[in-house]
Amino acid sequence: MPTQPQAARYLQVKHHVLRKIADGTLRSGERVPSENELVRELDVARMTANRALRELAAEGVLLRVAGVGTFVAERRVHAHPLEVRNIADEIRARGHEYEAKIVSLTSVTATREIGERCGVSTGARLDHSLLIHFEGGAPLQVEDRYVNPTVVPGYLRNDFTRVTPHEFLMQAAPLQRAEHTVRALIPDSRIRRMLKLDATDACLLIRRRTWASERIATVADLYHPGSRYELTGSFQS
C-alpha cells in the first residue's frame, strides 16, 4: 500500500488533536500528548507531529511552554463591540449550554451617578437586576442593569433564568439606538468573585445605554473575564 503524503499525515495529527478538544477529552489548560506520544499513537514521523502542534499553537488552539509541554489554550469568545445581541443565543450558537443565575432583582433609588446615566433625577425609582450568565457551566458575563420603569414597565415581574433581559427588553421597549463604552480594568472583589477571577486578572467591561421612545430605557455594565472574551469587528465605508 502506498505511503500517505506528508501533508495528509500532518493534517491527520491536527484533526486528531482537534477532535479530542471538540469532544471534551482535552479541556482548556490540559496538557496535550507530546510529540513522542503522538508518534507512537498515530505512527507518524516526529517532524509531522511537530508541525501539527506548531501550527495549532500559531492558530491559538494550543499553548506551547518550553521545557514544560503543550496545553490546550483558554478559549476566547468573540463578540462584536457595537452589536446588541442576546447572550443566550450567542452561547447556544456555539453549541454550548446556557444558564443564568439571578443575584439580585429589586427596585432601587437612583444615586446621582446612576440618575445621570439613566436620565432621571436623583432619588427616582429604578428597576435593578444583577445576573451571572454561564457558558457550559463557566461564568462568561456579569450583567449589572438599571431599567427605567416608566419607559419599560413590568421588568421586575420576569423570571430571568428563563427569559434574558435582552429578550424581554426587545419585546417591551424595542431598541431605538445604543451607546457603548468599552474598557479593560481590574474588577472589584464582588465582580471578581462572580466571574471566578484571581486578584490580578483583568476583565473587559462594556458600558451600554439604550433608548426607546426617545428616552433612555436601560443602562447596563457587562463584565467579562479578559482571558476568555474579546471584541472583534469590521467596518466598511
Protein backbone atom coordinates (compact mmCIF):
# COMPACT_ATOMS: atom_id res chain seq x y z
CA MET A 1 0.00 0.00 0.00
CA PRO A 2 1.44 3.43 -0.92
CA THR A 3 2.58 5.70 1.91
CA GLN A 4 0.30 8.66 2.65
CA PRO A 5 1.71 12.07 1.60
CA GLN A 6 3.39 14.02 4.41
CA ALA A 7 0.74 16.78 4.23
CA ALA A 8 -2.07 14.24 4.75
CA ARG A 9 -0.29 12.74 7.76
CA TYR A 10 0.30 16.16 9.27
CA LEU A 11 -3.41 17.03 8.84
CA GLN A 12 -4.32 13.71 10.42
CA VAL A 13 -2.43 14.73 13.57
CA LYS A 14 -4.12 18.15 13.66
CA HIS A 15 -7.57 16.64 13.24
CA HIS A 16 -6.80 14.05 15.92
CA VAL A 17 -5.98 16.78 18.46
CA LEU A 18 -8.93 18.96 17.39
CA ARG A 19 -11.35 16.03 17.80
CA LYS A 20 -10.13 15.45 21.34
CA ILE A 21 -10.73 19.12 22.15
CA ALA A 22 -14.16 19.15 20.49
CA ASP A 23 -15.42 16.04 22.32
CA GLY A 24 -14.13 17.25 25.70
CA THR A 25 -11.35 14.67 26.08
CA LEU A 26 -8.93 17.60 26.21
CA ARG A 27 -10.10 20.73 28.02
CA SER A 28 -8.71 24.26 28.35
CA GLY A 29 -5.45 24.24 30.29
CA GLU A 30 -4.89 20.48 29.98
CA ARG A 31 -1.67 19.04 28.59
CA VAL A 32 -1.93 17.51 25.12
CA PRO A 33 0.06 14.42 24.04
CA SER A 34 3.72 15.15 23.41
CA GLU A 35 5.37 14.75 20.02
CA ASN A 36 6.74 11.37 21.11
CA GLU A 37 3.32 10.23 22.30
CA LEU A 38 1.72 11.28 19.02
CA VAL A 39 4.45 9.47 17.08
CA ARG A 40 3.68 6.24 18.93
CA GLU A 41 -0.10 6.64 18.91
CA LEU A 42 -0.53 7.67 15.27
CA ASP A 43 2.56 6.08 13.71
CA VAL A 44 3.81 9.32 12.20
CA ALA A 45 7.23 10.92 11.92
CA ARG A 46 8.30 13.26 14.69
CA MET A 47 8.63 16.08 12.16
CA THR A 48 4.97 15.54 11.24
CA ALA A 49 3.81 15.70 14.87
CA ASN A 50 5.97 18.77 15.48
CA ARG A 51 4.48 20.62 12.51
CA ALA A 52 0.92 19.83 13.58
CA LEU A 53 1.48 21.11 17.12
CA ARG A 54 3.33 24.21 15.92
CA GLU A 55 0.51 25.16 13.56
CA LEU A 56 -2.18 24.56 16.18
CA ALA A 57 -0.21 26.83 18.52
CA ALA A 58 0.07 29.51 15.81
CA GLU A 59 -3.71 29.29 15.30
CA GLY A 60 -4.28 29.91 19.01
CA VAL A 61 -5.66 26.43 19.72
CA LEU A 62 -2.65 25.28 21.75
CA LEU A 63 -0.12 26.96 24.03
CA ARG A 64 3.45 25.62 23.94
CA VAL A 65 5.60 26.20 27.03
CA ALA A 66 9.31 25.48 26.53
CA GLY A 67 10.55 22.71 28.78
CA VAL A 68 7.09 22.05 30.18
CA GLY A 69 4.79 20.85 27.41
CA THR A 70 1.90 21.79 25.14
CA PHE A 71 -1.52 22.71 26.54
CA VAL A 72 -5.00 23.50 25.26
CA ALA A 73 -5.27 27.27 25.12
CA GLU A 74 -8.00 29.05 27.03
CA ARG A 75 -10.98 29.51 24.76
CA ARG A 76 -11.65 33.14 23.87
CA VAL A 77 -15.18 34.10 22.99
CA HIS A 78 -15.50 36.71 20.24
CA ALA A 79 -18.21 39.37 20.13
CA HIS A 80 -18.81 42.45 18.01
CA PRO A 81 -18.31 45.61 20.12
CA LEU A 82 -21.27 47.53 18.69
CA GLU A 83 -23.92 44.85 18.34
CA VAL A 84 -26.70 44.40 20.91
CA ARG A 85 -27.32 40.67 20.92
CA ASN A 86 -28.92 38.08 23.15
CA ILE A 87 -26.16 36.34 25.09
CA ALA A 88 -28.19 33.12 25.35
CA ASP A 89 -28.41 32.93 21.54
CA GLU A 90 -24.66 33.54 21.20
CA ILE A 91 -23.81 30.73 23.61
CA ARG A 92 -26.24 28.23 22.10
CA ALA A 93 -24.99 29.08 18.59
CA ARG A 94 -21.56 27.89 19.73
CA GLY A 95 -23.14 24.57 20.74
CA HIS A 96 -22.82 25.18 24.48
CA GLU A 97 -25.29 25.13 27.34
CA TYR A 98 -26.59 28.48 28.59
CA GLU A 99 -27.60 29.16 32.19
CA ALA A 100 -28.37 32.30 34.19
CA LYS A 101 -28.24 32.97 37.92
CA ILE A 102 -30.14 35.88 39.47
CA VAL A 103 -28.06 37.58 42.16
CA SER A 104 -30.43 40.49 42.73
CA LEU A 105 -33.75 41.70 41.28
CA THR A 106 -35.25 44.71 43.05
CA SER A 107 -36.44 48.31 42.92
CA VAL A 108 -33.81 50.87 43.96
CA THR A 109 -33.43 54.62 44.45
CA ALA A 110 -31.23 56.31 41.86
CA THR A 111 -27.97 57.75 43.12
CA ARG A 112 -26.68 60.92 41.48
CA GLU A 113 -24.32 58.95 39.21
CA ILE A 114 -26.90 56.35 38.18
CA GLY A 115 -29.57 59.02 37.77
CA GLU A 116 -27.34 60.96 35.35
CA ARG A 117 -26.63 57.81 33.33
CA CYS A 118 -30.32 56.90 33.20
CA GLY A 119 -31.54 60.44 32.52
CA VAL A 120 -33.63 60.63 35.72
CA SER A 121 -33.47 62.70 38.89
CA THR A 122 -31.56 61.60 41.98
CA GLY A 123 -33.98 59.61 44.14
CA ALA A 124 -36.12 58.37 41.24
CA ARG A 125 -37.17 54.71 41.37
CA LEU A 126 -35.38 52.33 39.01
CA ASP A 127 -35.60 48.58 38.49
CA HIS A 128 -32.29 46.83 39.06
CA SER A 129 -31.06 43.37 38.12
CA LEU A 130 -27.73 41.66 38.74
CA LEU A 131 -27.25 38.42 36.82
CA ILE A 132 -24.47 35.97 36.02
CA HIS A 133 -24.58 34.34 32.59
CA PHE A 134 -22.84 30.97 32.24
CA GLU A 135 -21.47 29.17 29.18
CA GLY A 136 -21.01 25.45 29.71
CA GLY A 137 -21.01 25.97 33.48
CA ALA A 138 -18.34 28.73 33.43
CA PRO A 139 -19.28 32.37 34.18
CA LEU A 140 -19.00 34.41 30.98
CA GLN A 141 -20.73 37.67 31.88
CA VAL A 142 -21.93 39.60 34.92
CA GLU A 143 -24.79 41.87 33.88
CA ASP A 144 -25.46 44.84 36.20
CA ARG A 145 -28.53 46.60 34.76
CA TYR A 146 -30.80 49.54 35.66
CA VAL A 147 -34.16 49.95 33.91
CA ASN A 148 -36.44 52.98 33.89
CA PRO A 149 -39.89 51.54 34.79
CA THR A 150 -41.72 54.49 33.23
CA VAL A 151 -40.20 53.50 29.86
CA VAL A 152 -40.19 49.72 30.39
CA PRO A 153 -42.96 48.66 32.80
CA GLY A 154 -43.09 45.18 34.30
CA TYR A 155 -39.35 44.42 34.27
CA LEU A 156 -39.19 43.01 37.81
CA ARG A 157 -42.00 40.53 37.22
CA ASN A 158 -39.90 38.37 34.88
CA ASP A 159 -38.02 35.13 35.54
CA PHE A 160 -34.65 35.92 34.01
CA THR A 161 -33.44 32.34 34.36
CA ARG A 162 -35.93 31.55 31.55
CA VAL A 163 -36.06 34.80 29.55
CA THR A 164 -32.97 37.00 29.33
CA PRO A 165 -33.25 40.76 30.00
CA HIS A 166 -32.36 41.30 26.32
CA GLU A 167 -35.29 39.16 25.15
CA PHE A 168 -37.73 40.94 27.45
CA LEU A 169 -36.50 44.42 26.56
CA MET A 170 -36.65 43.79 22.82
CA GLN A 171 -40.35 42.94 23.24
CA ALA A 172 -41.32 45.56 25.82
CA ALA A 173 -39.27 48.51 24.51
CA PRO A 174 -37.86 47.92 21.01
CA LEU A 175 -34.37 49.35 20.67
CA GLN A 176 -34.10 52.78 19.04
CA ARG A 177 -30.38 53.38 19.48
CA ALA A 178 -27.50 52.31 21.68
CA GLU A 179 -24.33 53.81 23.13
CA HIS A 180 -21.29 51.72 24.11
CA THR A 181 -18.09 52.35 26.04
CA VAL A 182 -15.51 49.57 26.32
CA ARG A 183 -12.68 49.42 28.82
CA ALA A 184 -10.34 46.94 30.49
CA LEU A 185 -9.97 47.03 34.27
CA ILE A 186 -9.11 45.03 37.37
CA PRO A 187 -12.57 44.33 38.84
CA ASP A 188 -13.56 44.79 42.46
CA SER A 189 -13.88 41.78 44.75
CA ARG A 190 -17.62 41.39 44.09
CA ILE A 191 -17.23 41.06 40.29
CA ARG A 192 -14.06 39.01 40.70
CA ARG A 193 -15.90 36.52 42.90
CA MET A 194 -18.82 36.16 40.48
CA LEU A 195 -16.53 35.67 37.46
CA LYS A 196 -14.20 33.39 39.46
CA LEU A 197 -11.14 35.51 38.70
CA ASP A 198 -7.83 35.75 40.51
CA ALA A 199 -6.86 39.01 42.19
CA THR A 200 -4.63 40.08 39.28
CA ASP A 201 -6.96 39.01 36.46
CA ALA A 202 -8.35 41.75 34.24
CA CYS A 203 -11.88 41.90 32.91
CA LEU A 204 -13.47 43.57 29.92
CA LEU A 205 -16.30 45.98 30.71
CA ILE A 206 -18.91 47.10 28.19
CA ARG A 207 -20.95 50.06 29.48
CA ARG A 208 -24.15 50.30 27.47
CA ARG A 209 -27.13 52.65 27.29
CA THR A 210 -30.15 52.01 25.10
CA TRP A 211 -33.01 54.28 24.10
CA ALA A 212 -36.68 53.55 23.40
CA SER A 213 -39.47 56.06 22.72
CA GLU A 214 -36.81 58.81 22.64
CA ARG A 215 -35.85 58.14 26.27
CA ILE A 216 -33.12 56.15 27.99
CA ALA A 217 -34.70 52.77 28.70
CA THR A 218 -31.82 50.98 30.38
CA VAL A 219 -28.15 51.20 31.29
CA ALA A 220 -26.02 48.13 31.82
CA ASP A 221 -22.47 47.29 32.88
CA LEU A 222 -21.44 43.99 31.28
CA TYR A 223 -18.31 42.41 32.80
CA HIS A 224 -16.42 39.59 31.04
CA PRO A 225 -13.30 37.62 32.01
CA GLY A 226 -10.48 39.12 29.95
CA SER A 227 -8.74 35.78 29.41
CA ARG A 228 -11.82 34.22 27.79
CA TYR A 229 -13.52 37.08 25.97
CA GLU A 230 -12.54 39.54 23.26
CA LEU A 231 -14.29 42.03 20.99
CA THR A 232 -13.83 41.95 17.24
CA GLY A 233 -15.50 43.91 14.50
CA SER A 234 -15.11 45.29 11.00
CA PHE A 235 -16.09 48.48 9.27
CA GLN A 236 -16.72 49.14 5.62
CA SER A 237 -17.35 52.59 4.18
